[in-house]
């Protein structure tokens, strides 16, 4: 029998095992957007997001510490969180690809008081945030963002885009949801 003390001293999981573990946690897909000091747009696909507090409205995102998007949002202190709808898989893949022309290959705009770029046709909800704090953990940085504004654009696909088991999916229709009670 293994004691809790002995279990705590085991060798930690490697990257492959950790990726496999986390792939079993399906989640929504967002694109984090920011402008750098020169006004250039930056963005990246992210599935590490959670709500932290209702009062004040605060969310948490985790970005790769070497990311130019992270540099832009910490430099300006603001960012946008574009919640992708189920028809925006192409945009999720584009913003995870590292393509330097990603903002030339998808529609975006910068509404008044926006925290960062809004993806015009890909997002079914957008939050504009102010950076409250950051904390580096390993190769990623946790960003706490105060949500200043929310927008819910009229889009053709309101169902969220999901990611899990290393693939994209749409939120199931109401008739196909199996209750867990």
Protein backbone atom coordinates (compact mmCIF):
# COMPACT_ATOMS: atom_id res chain seq x y z
CA UNK A 1 0.00 0.00 0.00
CA UNK A 2 1.33 3.43 -0.94
CA UNK A 3 1.15 6.19 1.62
CA UNK A 4 0.31 9.77 0.56
CA UNK A 5 3.86 10.78 1.49
CA UNK A 6 5.37 8.12 -0.79
CA UNK A 7 3.03 9.03 -3.65
CA UNK A 8 4.09 12.68 -3.42
CA UNK A 9 7.72 11.69 -4.14
CA UNK A 10 7.03 9.80 -7.36
CA UNK A 11 8.44 11.02 -10.62
CA UNK A 12 6.09 13.61 -12.15
CA UNK A 13 4.24 12.85 -15.37
CA UNK A 14 6.07 13.69 -18.57
CA UNK A 15 4.76 16.04 -21.26
CA UNK A 16 3.22 13.21 -23.29
CA UNK A 17 1.34 11.80 -20.30
CA UNK A 18 0.17 15.25 -19.23
CA UNK A 19 -1.10 16.07 -22.74
CA UNK A 20 -2.96 12.76 -22.79
CA UNK A 21 -4.50 13.47 -19.39
CA UNK A 22 -5.64 16.99 -20.34
CA UNK A 23 -7.06 15.83 -23.69
CA UNK A 24 -9.71 14.02 -21.67
CA UNK A 25 -11.06 17.30 -20.32
CA UNK A 26 -13.22 18.79 -23.10
CA UNK A 27 -13.42 22.55 -23.05
CA UNK A 28 -14.54 25.55 -25.05
CA UNK A 29 -12.22 27.27 -27.51
CA UNK A 30 -11.32 30.96 -27.47
CA UNK A 31 -8.94 33.22 -29.33
CA UNK A 32 -7.11 35.68 -27.10
CA UNK A 33 -6.46 38.95 -28.95
CA UNK A 34 -4.31 41.96 -28.12
CA UNK A 35 -2.69 44.94 -29.78
CA UNK A 36 0.97 45.72 -29.26
CA UNK A 37 2.29 49.22 -28.55
CA UNK A 38 2.41 49.95 -32.30
CA UNK A 39 -1.23 48.91 -32.77
CA UNK A 40 -0.46 45.59 -34.51
CA UNK A 41 -2.90 42.75 -33.75
CA UNK A 42 -1.73 39.55 -32.09
CA UNK A 43 -3.77 36.48 -31.21
CA UNK A 44 -3.68 32.83 -30.29
CA UNK A 45 -6.07 29.94 -29.76
CA UNK A 46 -6.55 29.05 -26.12
CA UNK A 47 -8.53 26.42 -24.28
CA UNK A 48 -7.11 27.23 -20.83
CA UNK A 49 -9.77 29.63 -19.57
CA UNK A 50 -12.00 29.71 -16.54
CA UNK A 51 -14.20 32.13 -14.69
CA UNK A 52 -12.75 33.17 -11.34
CA UNK A 53 -15.08 35.73 -9.76
CA UNK A 54 -18.45 37.38 -10.38
CA UNK A 55 -17.66 40.41 -8.23
CA UNK A 56 -15.53 41.77 -9.72
CA UNK A 57 -16.03 39.85 -12.99
CA UNK A 58 -12.67 38.15 -13.49
CA UNK A 59 -11.41 35.35 -15.70
CA UNK A 60 -8.18 33.42 -15.95
CA UNK A 61 -6.33 32.45 -19.12
CA UNK A 62 -3.03 30.62 -19.52
CA UNK A 63 -0.69 31.55 -22.37
CA UNK A 64 2.70 30.22 -23.42
CA UNK A 65 5.26 32.52 -21.77
CA UNK A 66 7.19 33.02 -25.04
CA UNK A 67 4.03 34.05 -26.92
CA UNK A 68 4.04 37.41 -28.74
CA UNK A 69 0.34 37.67 -27.83
CA UNK A 70 1.29 37.54 -24.14
CA UNK A 71 3.92 40.26 -24.72
CA UNK A 72 1.32 42.44 -26.45
CA UNK A 73 -1.35 42.07 -23.76
CA UNK A 74 1.04 42.65 -20.88
CA UNK A 75 2.52 45.62 -22.73
CA UNK A 76 -0.82 47.36 -23.26
CA UNK A 77 -2.62 45.89 -20.25
CA UNK A 78 -5.74 44.88 -22.19
CA UNK A 79 -6.97 41.94 -24.26
CA UNK A 80 -10.04 40.37 -25.82
CA UNK A 81 -11.40 36.87 -25.37
CA UNK A 82 -13.26 35.68 -28.49
CA UNK A 83 -15.49 32.67 -27.68
CA UNK A 84 -15.62 30.71 -30.95
CA UNK A 85 -18.83 29.22 -32.31
CA UNK A 86 -19.00 25.70 -33.77
CA UNK A 87 -18.50 26.93 -37.35
CA UNK A 88 -15.16 28.58 -36.53
CA UNK A 89 -12.88 25.54 -36.44
CA UNK A 90 -10.85 27.04 -39.30
CA UNK A 91 -10.18 30.13 -37.15
CA UNK A 92 -9.19 27.99 -34.14
CA UNK A 93 -6.70 26.09 -36.30
CA UNK A 94 -5.44 29.29 -37.97
CA UNK A 95 -4.72 30.99 -34.64
CA UNK A 96 -2.97 27.90 -33.28
CA UNK A 97 -0.80 27.53 -36.40
CA UNK A 98 1.62 30.40 -35.85
CA UNK A 99 0.74 31.79 -39.30
CA UNK A 100 2.03 35.39 -39.28
CA UNK A 101 -0.80 36.45 -41.63
CA UNK A 102 -3.64 35.13 -39.46
CA UNK A 103 -5.25 38.58 -39.15
CA UNK A 104 -5.19 38.94 -42.93
CA UNK A 105 -7.00 35.59 -43.32
CA UNK A 106 -10.00 36.25 -41.07
CA UNK A 107 -12.37 39.17 -40.52
CA UNK A 108 -11.74 41.23 -37.43
CA UNK A 109 -12.44 44.71 -36.13
CA UNK A 110 -11.69 46.89 -33.15
CA UNK A 111 -14.88 48.36 -31.68
CA UNK A 112 -14.71 51.41 -29.46
CA UNK A 113 -13.19 50.58 -26.04
CA UNK A 114 -12.23 47.06 -27.16
CA UNK A 115 -9.50 45.32 -25.19
CA UNK A 116 -8.18 43.67 -28.36
CA UNK A 117 -9.28 42.44 -31.79
CA UNK A 118 -12.81 41.05 -32.14
CA UNK A 119 -13.17 38.21 -34.64
CA UNK A 120 -16.15 39.41 -36.63
CA UNK A 121 -17.54 36.13 -38.03
CA UNK A 122 -15.98 33.57 -35.69
CA UNK A 123 -17.01 34.69 -32.20
CA UNK A 124 -20.45 34.26 -30.66
CA UNK A 125 -19.35 36.16 -27.54
CA UNK A 126 -16.45 38.49 -26.73
CA UNK A 127 -15.11 39.76 -23.43
CA UNK A 128 -12.88 42.83 -23.25
CA UNK A 129 -10.48 42.58 -20.33
CA UNK A 130 -7.89 44.53 -18.37
CA UNK A 131 -4.88 42.64 -17.03
CA UNK A 132 -5.11 42.49 -13.24
CA UNK A 133 -2.10 40.26 -12.58
CA UNK A 134 0.16 37.61 -14.08
CA UNK A 135 2.05 34.65 -12.65
CA UNK A 136 4.54 32.50 -14.52
CA UNK A 137 4.20 28.75 -13.91
CA UNK A 138 6.60 26.54 -15.84
CA UNK A 139 6.46 27.41 -19.55
CA UNK A 140 3.12 29.26 -19.29
CA UNK A 141 1.86 32.46 -17.70
CA UNK A 142 -1.44 32.77 -15.87
CA UNK A 143 -3.25 36.02 -16.65
CA UNK A 144 -6.09 37.26 -14.48
CA UNK A 145 -8.28 39.62 -16.48
CA UNK A 146 -11.02 41.93 -15.21
CA UNK A 147 -13.90 41.73 -17.69
CA UNK A 148 -14.84 45.31 -18.53
CA UNK A 149 -17.36 44.71 -21.35
CA UNK A 150 -19.13 41.81 -22.98
CA UNK A 151 -20.52 41.67 -26.48
CA UNK A 152 -22.73 39.07 -28.10
CA UNK A 153 -22.55 39.52 -31.87
CA UNK A 154 -25.33 38.11 -34.01
CA UNK A 155 -23.70 35.10 -35.68
CA UNK A 156 -25.04 32.22 -37.69
CA UNK A 157 -23.51 29.67 -35.32
CA UNK A 158 -24.25 30.32 -31.67
CA UNK A 159 -23.34 26.84 -30.43
CA UNK A 160 -19.86 26.84 -28.88
CA UNK A 161 -16.86 25.14 -30.44
CA UNK A 162 -15.46 22.46 -28.14
CA UNK A 163 -12.07 20.75 -28.00
CA UNK A 164 -11.24 17.44 -26.34
CA UNK A 165 -9.64 14.09 -27.13
CA UNK A 166 -7.48 16.08 -29.60
CA UNK A 167 -10.40 16.98 -31.85
CA UNK A 168 -13.00 19.70 -32.34
CA UNK A 169 -16.73 19.22 -31.91
CA UNK A 170 -19.92 21.25 -31.67
CA UNK A 171 -22.09 21.52 -28.60
CA UNK A 172 -24.76 18.83 -29.04
CA UNK A 173 -28.28 19.90 -29.96
CA UNK A 174 -30.80 19.87 -27.13
CA UNK A 175 -32.45 16.69 -28.38
CA UNK A 176 -29.19 14.72 -28.37
CA UNK A 177 -28.04 15.63 -24.85
CA UNK A 178 -28.06 12.67 -22.49
CA UNK A 179 -28.94 13.66 -18.89
CA UNK A 180 -26.39 12.63 -16.26
CA UNK A 181 -28.83 12.49 -13.32
